[in-house]
Amino acid sequence: MEHERLIAGLHCGEVLADLTEHLDGRLSREQSSRMEEHLSGCSGCRRLGGEILGLVRTLREMPEEPLAADVEARLQAQLRAGGDPRAGTQARDD
């Protein structure tokens, strides 16, 4: 993301890196609450996060294939790098 924001004690990169754990319910109640607060206040994370969560959900609904695990791993790596996995470029917060 172009602008790293701090909301609810979380930086954008932290939120995007933990999205799949949030989706899976693997975060503590406190962590999930802080993440939801950050997403509510950060349009860039909310937009990119919604797109990524949609992609991950779609991948998880697909029949078990080795490709799905590889694609999810690449999505997570791209999230950690702060980029847009659809375009292979850095995401921007308008």
PDB file of N, CA and C in Angstrom:
ATOM      1  N   MET A   1       0.844  -1.171   0.000  1.00  0.00           N
ATOM      2  CA  MET A   1       0.000   0.000   0.000  1.00  0.00           C
ATOM      3  C   MET A   1       0.889   1.233   0.000  1.00  0.00           C
ATOM      4  N   GLU A   2       0.409   2.241  -0.632  1.00  0.00           N
ATOM      5  CA  GLU A   2       1.182   3.461  -0.740  1.00  0.00           C
ATOM      6  C   GLU A   2       1.342   4.149   0.609  1.00  0.00           C
ATOM      7  N   HIS A   3       0.275   4.238   1.375  1.00  0.00           N
ATOM      8  CA  HIS A   3       0.310   4.904   2.670  1.00  0.00           C
ATOM      9  C   HIS A   3       0.043   3.887   3.766  1.00  0.00           C
ATOM     10  N   GLU A   4       1.000   3.681   4.629  1.00  0.00           N
ATOM     11  CA  GLU A   4       0.857   2.753   5.748  1.00  0.00           C
ATOM     12  C   GLU A   4       0.186   3.514   6.887  1.00  0.00           C
ATOM     13  N   ARG A   5      -1.024   3.131   7.231  1.00  0.00           N
ATOM     14  CA  ARG A   5      -1.781   3.813   8.274  1.00  0.00           C
ATOM     15  C   ARG A   5      -1.763   2.995   9.549  1.00  0.00           C
ATOM     16  N   LEU A   6      -1.862   3.690  10.677  1.00  0.00           N
ATOM     17  CA  LEU A   6      -1.960   3.046  11.985  1.00  0.00           C
ATOM     18  C   LEU A   6      -3.342   3.339  12.529  1.00  0.00           C
ATOM     19  N   ILE A   7      -4.170   2.319  12.608  1.00  0.00           N
ATOM     20  CA  ILE A   7      -5.529   2.431  13.135  1.00  0.00           C
ATOM     21  C   ILE A   7      -5.752   1.258  14.067  1.00  0.00           C
ATOM     22  N   ALA A   8      -6.311   1.526  15.234  1.00  0.00           N
ATOM     23  CA  ALA A   8      -6.588   0.488  16.235  1.00  0.00           C
ATOM     24  C   ALA A   8      -5.315  -0.242  16.647  1.00  0.00           C
ATOM     25  N   GLY A   9      -4.192   0.457  16.591  1.00  0.00           N
ATOM     26  CA  GLY A   9      -2.925  -0.132  16.996  1.00  0.00           C
ATOM     27  C   GLY A   9      -2.317  -1.072  15.974  1.00  0.00           C
ATOM     28  N   LEU A  10      -2.886  -1.118  14.777  1.00  0.00           N
ATOM     29  CA  LEU A  10      -2.396  -2.011  13.724  1.00  0.00           C
ATOM     30  C   LEU A  10      -2.027  -1.203  12.488  1.00  0.00           C
ATOM     31  N   HIS A  11      -0.886  -1.545  11.899  1.00  0.00           N
ATOM     32  CA  HIS A  11      -0.486  -0.970  10.619  1.00  0.00           C
ATOM     33  C   HIS A  11      -1.161  -1.765   9.508  1.00  0.00           C
ATOM     34  N   CYS A  12      -1.333  -1.128   8.366  1.00  0.00           N
ATOM     35  CA  CYS A  12      -1.984  -1.772   7.222  1.00  0.00           C
ATOM     36  C   CYS A  12      -1.336  -3.118   6.878  1.00  0.00           C
ATOM     37  N   GLY A  13      -0.023  -3.164   6.866  1.00  0.00           N
ATOM     38  CA  GLY A  13       0.666  -4.409   6.532  1.00  0.00           C
ATOM     39  C   GLY A  13       0.330  -5.546   7.479  1.00  0.00           C
ATOM     40  N   GLU A  14       0.174  -5.229   8.760  1.00  0.00           N
ATOM     41  CA  GLU A  14      -0.185  -6.250   9.746  1.00  0.00           C
ATOM     42  C   GLU A  14      -1.581  -6.792   9.468  1.00  0.00           C
ATOM     43  N   VAL A  15      -2.493  -5.901   9.157  1.00  0.00           N
ATOM     44  CA  VAL A  15      -3.870  -6.305   8.887  1.00  0.00           C
ATOM     45  C   VAL A  15      -3.920  -7.203   7.657  1.00  0.00           C
ATOM     46  N   LEU A  16      -3.278  -6.776   6.593  1.00  0.00           N
ATOM     47  CA  LEU A  16      -3.318  -7.562   5.353  1.00  0.00           C
ATOM     48  C   LEU A  16      -2.607  -8.903   5.505  1.00  0.00           C
ATOM     49  N   ALA A  17      -1.556  -8.954   6.303  1.00  0.00           N
ATOM     50  CA  ALA A  17      -0.828 -10.209   6.507  1.00  0.00           C
ATOM     51  C   ALA A  17      -1.652 -11.225   7.300  1.00  0.00           C
ATOM     52  N   ASP A  18      -2.568 -10.747   8.136  1.00  0.00           N
ATOM     53  CA  ASP A  18      -3.348 -11.643   9.002  1.00  0.00           C
ATOM     54  C   ASP A  18      -4.772 -11.882   8.510  1.00  0.00           C
ATOM     55  N   LEU A  19      -5.092 -11.470   7.304  1.00  0.00           N
ATOM     56  CA  LEU A  19      -6.466 -11.620   6.819  1.00  0.00           C
ATOM     57  C   LEU A  19      -6.949 -13.065   6.786  1.00  0.00           C
ATOM     58  N   THR A  20      -6.122 -13.974   6.337  1.00  0.00           N
ATOM     59  CA  THR A  20      -6.596 -15.363   6.258  1.00  0.00           C
ATOM     60  C   THR A  20      -6.800 -15.959   7.641  1.00  0.00           C
ATOM     61  N   GLU A  21      -5.960 -15.581   8.596  1.00  0.00           N
ATOM     62  CA  GLU A  21      -6.158 -16.058   9.958  1.00  0.00           C
ATOM     63  C   GLU A  21      -7.466 -15.507  10.521  1.00  0.00           C
ATOM     64  N   HIS A  22      -7.766 -14.256  10.172  1.00  0.00           N
ATOM     65  CA  HIS A  22      -9.025 -13.638  10.600  1.00  0.00           C
ATOM     66  C   HIS A  22     -10.203 -14.385   9.989  1.00  0.00           C
ATOM     67  N   LEU A  23     -10.102 -14.679   8.708  1.00  0.00           N
ATOM     68  CA  LEU A  23     -11.145 -15.412   8.004  1.00  0.00           C
ATOM     69  C   LEU A  23     -11.369 -16.786   8.638  1.00  0.00           C
ATOM     70  N   ASP A  24     -10.284 -17.441   9.033  1.00  0.00           N
ATOM     71  CA  ASP A  24     -10.361 -18.777   9.627  1.00  0.00           C
ATOM     72  C   ASP A  24     -10.763 -18.773  11.089  1.00  0.00           C
ATOM     73  N   GLY A  25     -10.843 -17.592  11.700  1.00  0.00           N
ATOM     74  CA  GLY A  25     -11.182 -17.521  13.121  1.00  0.00           C
ATOM     75  C   GLY A  25     -10.029 -17.925  14.026  1.00  0.00           C
ATOM     76  N   ARG A  26      -8.794 -17.808  13.529  1.00  0.00           N
ATOM     77  CA  ARG A  26      -7.625 -18.209  14.306  1.00  0.00           C
ATOM     78  C   ARG A  26      -7.038 -17.072  15.132  1.00  0.00           C
ATOM     79  N   LEU A  27      -7.612 -15.879  15.046  1.00  0.00           N
ATOM     80  CA  LEU A  27      -7.127 -14.757  15.853  1.00  0.00           C
ATOM     81  C   LEU A  27      -7.922 -14.691  17.150  1.00  0.00           C
ATOM     82  N   SER A  28      -7.300 -14.127  18.156  1.00  0.00           N
ATOM     83  CA  SER A  28      -8.016 -13.949  19.421  1.00  0.00           C
ATOM     84  C   SER A  28      -9.145 -12.954  19.222  1.00  0.00           C
ATOM     85  N   ARG A  29     -10.060 -12.924  20.145  1.00  0.00           N
ATOM     86  CA  ARG A  29     -11.180 -11.986  20.068  1.00  0.00           C
ATOM     87  C   ARG A  29     -10.662 -10.548  20.010  1.00  0.00           C
ATOM     88  N   GLU A  30      -9.638 -10.246  20.814  1.00  0.00           N
ATOM     89  CA  GLU A  30      -9.063  -8.899  20.831  1.00  0.00           C
ATOM     90  C   GLU A  30      -8.436  -8.555  19.478  1.00  0.00           C
ATOM     91  N   GLN A  31      -7.657  -9.485  18.924  1.00  0.00           N
ATOM     92  CA  GLN A  31      -7.021  -9.246  17.624  1.00  0.00           C
ATOM     93  C   GLN A  31      -8.071  -9.045  16.531  1.00  0.00           C
ATOM     94  N   SER A  32      -9.107  -9.859  16.542  1.00  0.00           N
ATOM     95  CA  SER A  32     -10.163  -9.739  15.545  1.00  0.00           C
ATOM     96  C   SER A  32     -10.885  -8.402  15.676  1.00  0.00           C
ATOM     97  N   SER A  33     -11.126  -7.989  16.895  1.00  0.00           N
ATOM     98  CA  SER A  33     -11.796  -6.710  17.134  1.00  0.00           C
ATOM     99  C   SER A  33     -10.958  -5.546  16.622  1.00  0.00           C
ATOM    100  N   ARG A  34      -9.648  -5.586  16.902  1.00  0.00           N
ATOM    101  CA  ARG A  34      -8.754  -4.527  16.425  1.00  0.00           C
ATOM    102  C   ARG A  34      -8.682  -4.531  14.897  1.00  0.00           C
ATOM    103  N   MET A  35      -8.671  -5.729  14.313  1.00  0.00           N
ATOM    104  CA  MET A  35      -8.625  -5.819  12.864  1.00  0.00           C
ATOM    105  C   MET A  35      -9.896  -5.223  12.260  1.00  0.00           C
ATOM    106  N   GLU A  36     -11.048  -5.559  12.819  1.00  0.00           N
ATOM    107  CA  GLU A  36     -12.312  -5.017  12.319  1.00  0.00           C
ATOM    108  C   GLU A  36     -12.337  -3.498  12.458  1.00  0.00           C
ATOM    109  N   GLU A  37     -11.810  -2.975  13.561  1.00  0.00           N
ATOM    110  CA  GLU A  37     -11.748  -1.523  13.754  1.00  0.00           C
ATOM    111  C   GLU A  37     -10.849  -0.872  12.701  1.00  0.00           C
ATOM    112  N   HIS A  38      -9.700  -1.510  12.440  1.00  0.00           N
ATOM    113  CA  HIS A  38      -8.795  -0.978  11.408  1.00  0.00           C
ATOM    114  C   HIS A  38      -9.493  -0.981  10.045  1.00  0.00           C
ATOM    115  N   LEU A  39     -10.119  -2.086   9.696  1.00  0.00           N
ATOM    116  CA  LEU A  39     -10.792  -2.193   8.405  1.00  0.00           C
ATOM    117  C   LEU A  39     -11.920  -1.166   8.276  1.00  0.00           C
ATOM    118  N   SER A  40     -12.596  -0.877   9.374  1.00  0.00           N
ATOM    119  CA  SER A  40     -13.666   0.122   9.352  1.00  0.00           C
ATOM    120  C   SER A  40     -13.129   1.515   9.068  1.00  0.00           C
ATOM    121  N   GLY A  41     -11.904   1.794   9.537  1.00  0.00           N
ATOM    122  CA  GLY A  41     -11.338   3.123   9.383  1.00  0.00           C
ATOM    123  C   GLY A  41     -10.366   3.302   8.235  1.00  0.00           C
ATOM    124  N   CYS A  42     -10.064   2.247   7.508  1.00  0.00           N
ATOM    125  CA  CYS A  42      -9.061   2.322   6.444  1.00  0.00           C
ATOM    126  C   CYS A  42      -9.671   1.816   5.133  1.00  0.00           C
ATOM    127  N   SER A  43      -9.988   2.748   4.253  1.00  0.00           N
ATOM    128  CA  SER A  43     -10.640   2.363   2.998  1.00  0.00           C
ATOM    129  C   SER A  43      -9.748   1.482   2.121  1.00  0.00           C
ATOM    130  N   GLY A  44      -8.446   1.725   2.137  1.00  0.00           N
ATOM    131  CA  GLY A  44      -7.538   0.914   1.319  1.00  0.00           C
ATOM    132  C   GLY A  44      -7.505  -0.535   1.771  1.00  0.00           C
ATOM    133  N   CYS A  45      -7.360  -0.748   3.075  1.00  0.00           N
ATOM    134  CA  CYS A  45      -7.337  -2.121   3.596  1.00  0.00           C
ATOM    135  C   CYS A  45      -8.694  -2.792   3.420  1.00  0.00           C
ATOM    136  N   ARG A  46      -9.747  -2.024   3.631  1.00  0.00           N
ATOM    137  CA  ARG A  46     -11.090  -2.577   3.479  1.00  0.00           C
ATOM    138  C   ARG A  46     -11.308  -3.031   2.034  1.00  0.00           C
ATOM    139  N   ARG A  47     -10.913  -2.211   1.070  1.00  0.00           N
ATOM    140  CA  ARG A  47     -11.093  -2.548  -0.340  1.00  0.00           C
ATOM    141  C   ARG A  47     -10.222  -3.755  -0.722  1.00  0.00           C
ATOM    142  N   LEU A  48      -8.928  -3.658  -0.457  1.00  0.00           N
ATOM    143  CA  LEU A  48      -8.022  -4.750  -0.813  1.00  0.00           C
ATOM    144  C   LEU A  48      -8.331  -5.999  -0.001  1.00  0.00           C
ATOM    145  N   GLY A  49      -8.604  -5.820   1.282  1.00  0.00           N
ATOM    146  CA  GLY A  49      -8.927  -6.958   2.140  1.00  0.00           C
ATOM    147  C   GLY A  49     -10.169  -7.688   1.680  1.00  0.00           C
ATOM    148  N   GLY A  50     -11.192  -6.945   1.280  1.00  0.00           N
ATOM    149  CA  GLY A  50     -12.412  -7.574   0.792  1.00  0.00           C
ATOM    150  C   GLY A  50     -12.164  -8.384  -0.469  1.00  0.00           C
ATOM    151  N   GLU A  51     -11.341  -7.842  -1.346  1.00  0.00           N
ATOM    152  CA  GLU A  51     -11.008  -8.560  -2.574  1.00  0.00           C
ATOM    153  C   GLU A  51     -10.226  -9.830  -2.267  1.00  0.00           C
ATOM    154  N   ILE A  52      -9.248  -9.714  -1.371  1.00  0.00           N
ATOM    155  CA  ILE A  52      -8.422 -10.877  -1.026  1.00  0.00           C
ATOM    156  C   ILE A  52      -9.251 -11.938  -0.311  1.00  0.00           C
ATOM    157  N   LEU A  53     -10.073 -11.513   0.643  1.00  0.00           N
ATOM    158  CA  LEU A  53     -10.904 -12.489   1.345  1.00  0.00           C
ATOM    159  C   LEU A  53     -11.851 -13.191   0.377  1.00  0.00           C
ATOM    160  N   GLY A  54     -12.374 -12.463  -0.590  1.00  0.00           N
ATOM    161  CA  GLY A  54     -13.230 -13.085  -1.592  1.00  0.00           C
ATOM    162  C   GLY A  54     -12.480 -14.124  -2.412  1.00  0.00           C
ATOM    163  N   LEU A  55     -11.250 -13.796  -2.800  1.00  0.00           N
ATOM    164  CA  LEU A  55     -10.430 -14.739  -3.553  1.00  0.00           C
ATOM    165  C   LEU A  55     -10.111 -15.991  -2.733  1.00  0.00           C
ATOM    166  N   VAL A  56      -9.747 -15.788  -1.475  1.00  0.00           N
ATOM    167  CA  VAL A  56      -9.407 -16.926  -0.616  1.00  0.00           C
ATOM    168  C   VAL A  56     -10.628 -17.815  -0.417  1.00  0.00           C
ATOM    169  N   ARG A  57     -11.788 -17.212  -0.172  1.00  0.00           N
ATOM    170  CA  ARG A  57     -13.015 -18.008  -0.004  1.00  0.00           C
ATOM    171  C   ARG A  57     -13.304 -18.816  -1.269  1.00  0.00           C
ATOM    172  N   THR A  58     -13.157 -18.195  -2.426  1.00  0.00           N
ATOM    173  CA  THR A  58     -13.397 -18.888  -3.686  1.00  0.00           C
ATOM    174  C   THR A  58     -12.437 -20.055  -3.856  1.00  0.00           C
ATOM    175  N   LEU A  59     -11.168 -19.822  -3.557  1.00  0.00           N
ATOM    176  CA  LEU A  59     -10.179 -20.891  -3.672  1.00  0.00           C
ATOM    177  C   LEU A  59     -10.497 -22.047  -2.745  1.00  0.00           C
ATOM    178  N   ARG A  60     -10.954 -21.740  -1.550  1.00  0.00           N
ATOM    179  CA  ARG A  60     -11.242 -22.789  -0.572  1.00  0.00           C
ATOM    180  C   ARG A  60     -12.489 -23.577  -0.930  1.00  0.00           C
ATOM    181  N   GLU A  61     -13.361 -23.012  -1.750  1.00  0.00           N
ATOM    182  CA  GLU A  61     -14.564 -23.718  -2.179  1.00  0.00           C
ATOM    183  C   GLU A  61     -14.309 -24.597  -3.393  1.00  0.00           C
ATOM    184  N   MET A  62     -13.160 -24.415  -4.029  1.00  0.00           N
ATOM    185  CA  MET A  62     -12.814 -25.218  -5.205  1.00  0.00           C
ATOM    186  C   MET A  62     -12.482 -26.645  -4.766  1.00  0.00           C
ATOM    187  N   PRO A  63     -12.674 -27.605  -5.673  1.00  0.00           N
ATOM    188  CA  PRO A  63     -12.260 -28.970  -5.346  1.00  0.00           C
ATOM    189  C   PRO A  63     -10.765 -28.989  -5.019  1.00  0.00           C
ATOM    190  N   GLU A  64     -10.388 -29.911  -4.182  1.00  0.00           N
ATOM    191  CA  GLU A  64      -8.981 -30.022  -3.776  1.00  0.00           C
ATOM    192  C   GLU A  64      -8.092 -30.250  -4.995  1.00  0.00           C
ATOM    193  N   GLU A  65      -7.209 -29.316  -5.213  1.00  0.00           N
ATOM    194  CA  GLU A  65      -6.254 -29.409  -6.300  1.00  0.00           C
ATOM    195  C   GLU A  65      -4.937 -28.827  -5.800  1.00  0.00           C
ATOM    196  N   PRO A  66      -3.806 -29.363  -6.205  1.00  0.00           N
ATOM    197  CA  PRO A  66      -2.520 -28.792  -5.791  1.00  0.00           C
ATOM    198  C   PRO A  66      -2.387 -27.318  -6.162  1.00  0.00           C
ATOM    199  N   LEU A  67      -2.973 -26.901  -7.274  1.00  0.00           N
ATOM    200  CA  LEU A  67      -2.876 -25.518  -7.711  1.00  0.00           C
ATOM    201  C   LEU A  67      -3.489 -24.564  -6.691  1.00  0.00           C
ATOM    202  N   ALA A  68      -4.614 -24.936  -6.076  1.00  0.00           N
ATOM    203  CA  ALA A  68      -5.288 -24.048  -5.128  1.00  0.00           C
ATOM    204  C   ALA A  68      -4.361 -23.699  -3.962  1.00  0.00           C
ATOM    205  N   ALA A  69      -3.641 -24.663  -3.427  1.00  0.00           N
ATOM    206  CA  ALA A  69      -2.725 -24.391  -2.323  1.00  0.00           C
ATOM    207  C   ALA A  69      -1.605 -23.461  -2.773  1.00  0.00           C
ATOM    208  N   ASP A  70      -1.110 -23.662  -3.975  1.00  0.00           N
ATOM    209  CA  ASP A  70      -0.054 -22.810  -4.512  1.00  0.00           C
ATOM    210  C   ASP A  70      -0.554 -21.386  -4.711  1.00  0.00           C
ATOM    211  N   VAL A  71      -1.745 -21.245  -5.235  1.00  0.00           N
ATOM    212  CA  VAL A  71      -2.299 -19.915  -5.476  1.00  0.00           C
ATOM    213  C   VAL A  71      -2.505 -19.189  -4.157  1.00  0.00           C
ATOM    214  N   GLU A  72      -3.034 -19.864  -3.156  1.00  0.00           N
ATOM    215  CA  GLU A  72      -3.235 -19.233  -1.852  1.00  0.00           C
ATOM    216  C   GLU A  72      -1.904 -18.811  -1.238  1.00  0.00           C
ATOM    217  N   ALA A  73      -0.897 -19.622  -1.362  1.00  0.00           N
ATOM    218  CA  ALA A  73       0.431 -19.274  -0.845  1.00  0.00           C
ATOM    219  C   ALA A  73       0.971 -18.034  -1.541  1.00  0.00           C
ATOM    220  N   ARG A  74       0.773 -17.948  -2.853  1.00  0.00           N
ATOM    221  CA  ARG A  74       1.221 -16.759  -3.586  1.00  0.00           C
ATOM    222  C   ARG A  74       0.435 -15.523  -3.169  1.00  0.00           C
ATOM    223  N   LEU A  75      -0.878 -15.678  -2.926  1.00  0.00           N
ATOM    224  CA  LEU A  75      -1.679 -14.557  -2.451  1.00  0.00           C
ATOM    225  C   LEU A  75      -1.167 -14.061  -1.100  1.00  0.00           C
ATOM    226  N   GLN A  76      -0.881 -14.976  -0.198  1.00  0.00           N
ATOM    227  CA  GLN A  76      -0.384 -14.587   1.114  1.00  0.00           C
ATOM    228  C   GLN A  76       0.965 -13.904   1.003  1.00  0.00           C
ATOM    229  N   ALA A  77       1.832 -14.386   0.129  1.00  0.00           N
ATOM    230  CA  ALA A  77       3.138 -13.752  -0.061  1.00  0.00           C
ATOM    231  C   ALA A  77       2.967 -12.339  -0.613  1.00  0.00           C
ATOM    232  N   GLN A  78       2.043 -12.173  -1.540  1.00  0.00           N
ATOM    233  CA  GLN A  78       1.787 -10.851  -2.109  1.00  0.00           C
ATOM    234  C   GLN A  78       1.216  -9.908  -1.055  1.00  0.00           C
ATOM    235  N   LEU A  79       0.353 -10.423  -0.187  1.00  0.00           N
ATOM    236  CA  LEU A  79      -0.194  -9.607   0.897  1.00  0.00           C
ATOM    237  C   LEU A  79       0.912  -9.105   1.806  1.00  0.00           C
ATOM    238  N   ARG A  80       1.826 -10.000   2.155  1.00  0.00           N
ATOM    239  CA  ARG A  80       2.935  -9.601   3.028  1.00  0.00           C
ATOM    240  C   ARG A  80       3.792  -8.529   2.370  1.00  0.00           C
ATOM    241  N   ALA A  81       3.877  -8.575   1.042  1.00  0.00           N
ATOM    242  CA  ALA A  81       4.670  -7.587   0.314  1.00  0.00           C
ATOM    243  C   ALA A  81       3.893  -6.288   0.109  1.00  0.00           C
ATOM    244  N   GLY A  82       2.595  -6.302   0.398  1.00  0.00           N
ATOM    245  CA  GLY A  82       1.785  -5.099   0.280  1.00  0.00           C
ATOM    246  C   GLY A  82       1.305  -4.802  -1.122  1.00  0.00           C
ATOM    247  N   GLY A  83       1.325  -5.789  -1.988  1.00  0.00           N
ATOM    248  CA  GLY A  83       0.928  -5.565  -3.370  1.00  0.00           C
ATOM    249  C   GLY A  83      -0.476  -6.026  -3.664  1.00  0.00           C
ATOM    250  N   ASP A  84      -0.895  -5.776  -4.888  1.00  0.00           N
ATOM    251  CA  ASP A  84      -2.198  -6.188  -5.375  1.00  0.00           C
ATOM    252  C   ASP A  84      -2.007  -7.486  -6.150  1.00  0.00           C
ATOM    253  N   PRO A  85      -2.484  -8.626  -5.623  1.00  0.00           N
ATOM    254  CA  PRO A  85      -2.233  -9.919  -6.258  1.00  0.00           C
ATOM    255  C   PRO A  85      -2.924 -10.073  -7.602  1.00  0.00           C
ATOM    256  N   ARG A  86      -3.933  -9.273  -7.904  1.00  0.00           N
ATOM    257  CA  ARG A  86      -4.612  -9.379  -9.195  1.00  0.00           C
ATOM    258  C   ARG A  86      -3.751  -8.833 -10.307  1.00  0.00           C
ATOM    259  N   ALA A  87      -3.002  -7.761 -10.009  1.00  0.00           N
ATOM    260  CA  ALA A  87      -2.247  -7.098 -11.051  1.00  0.00           C
ATOM    261  C   ALA A  87      -0.758  -7.327 -10.946  1.00  0.00           C
ATOM    262  N   GLY A  88      -0.305  -7.858  -9.815  1.00  0.00           N
ATOM    263  CA  GLY A  88       1.118  -8.063  -9.620  1.00  0.00           C
ATOM    264  C   GLY A  88       1.865  -6.746  -9.399  1.00  0.00           C
ATOM    265  N   THR A  89       1.134  -5.712  -8.965  1.00  0.00           N
ATOM    266  CA  THR A  89       1.729  -4.403  -8.718  1.00  0.00           C
ATOM    267  C   THR A  89       1.405  -3.941  -7.323  1.00  0.00           C
ATOM    268  N   GLN A  90       2.049  -2.898  -6.915  1.00  0.00           N
ATOM    269  CA  GLN A  90       1.784  -2.319  -5.606  1.00  0.00           C
ATOM    270  C   GLN A  90       0.389  -1.723  -5.588  1.00  0.00           C
ATOM    271  N   ALA A  91      -0.349  -1.977  -4.511  1.00  0.00           N
ATOM    272  CA  ALA A  91      -1.692  -1.432  -4.369  1.00  0.00           C
ATOM    273  C   ALA A  91      -1.606   0.019  -3.953  1.00  0.00           C
ATOM    274  N   ARG A  92      -2.642   0.787  -4.322  1.00  0.00           N
ATOM    275  CA  ARG A  92      -2.673   2.191  -3.947  1.00  0.00           C
ATOM    276  C   ARG A  92      -3.895   2.453  -3.094  1.00  0.00           C
ATOM    277  N   ASP A  93      -3.756   3.358  -2.140  1.00  0.00           N
ATOM    278  CA  ASP A  93      -4.865   3.792  -1.303  1.00  0.00           C
ATOM    279  C   ASP A  93      -5.282   5.166  -1.793  1.00  0.00           C
ATOM    280  N   ASP A  94      -6.418   5.223  -2.533  1.00  0.00           N
ATOM    281  CA  ASP A  94      -6.865   6.501  -3.116  1.00  0.00           C
ATOM    282  C   ASP A  94      -7.402   7.432  -2.072  1.00  0.00           C
TER     283      ASP A  94
END
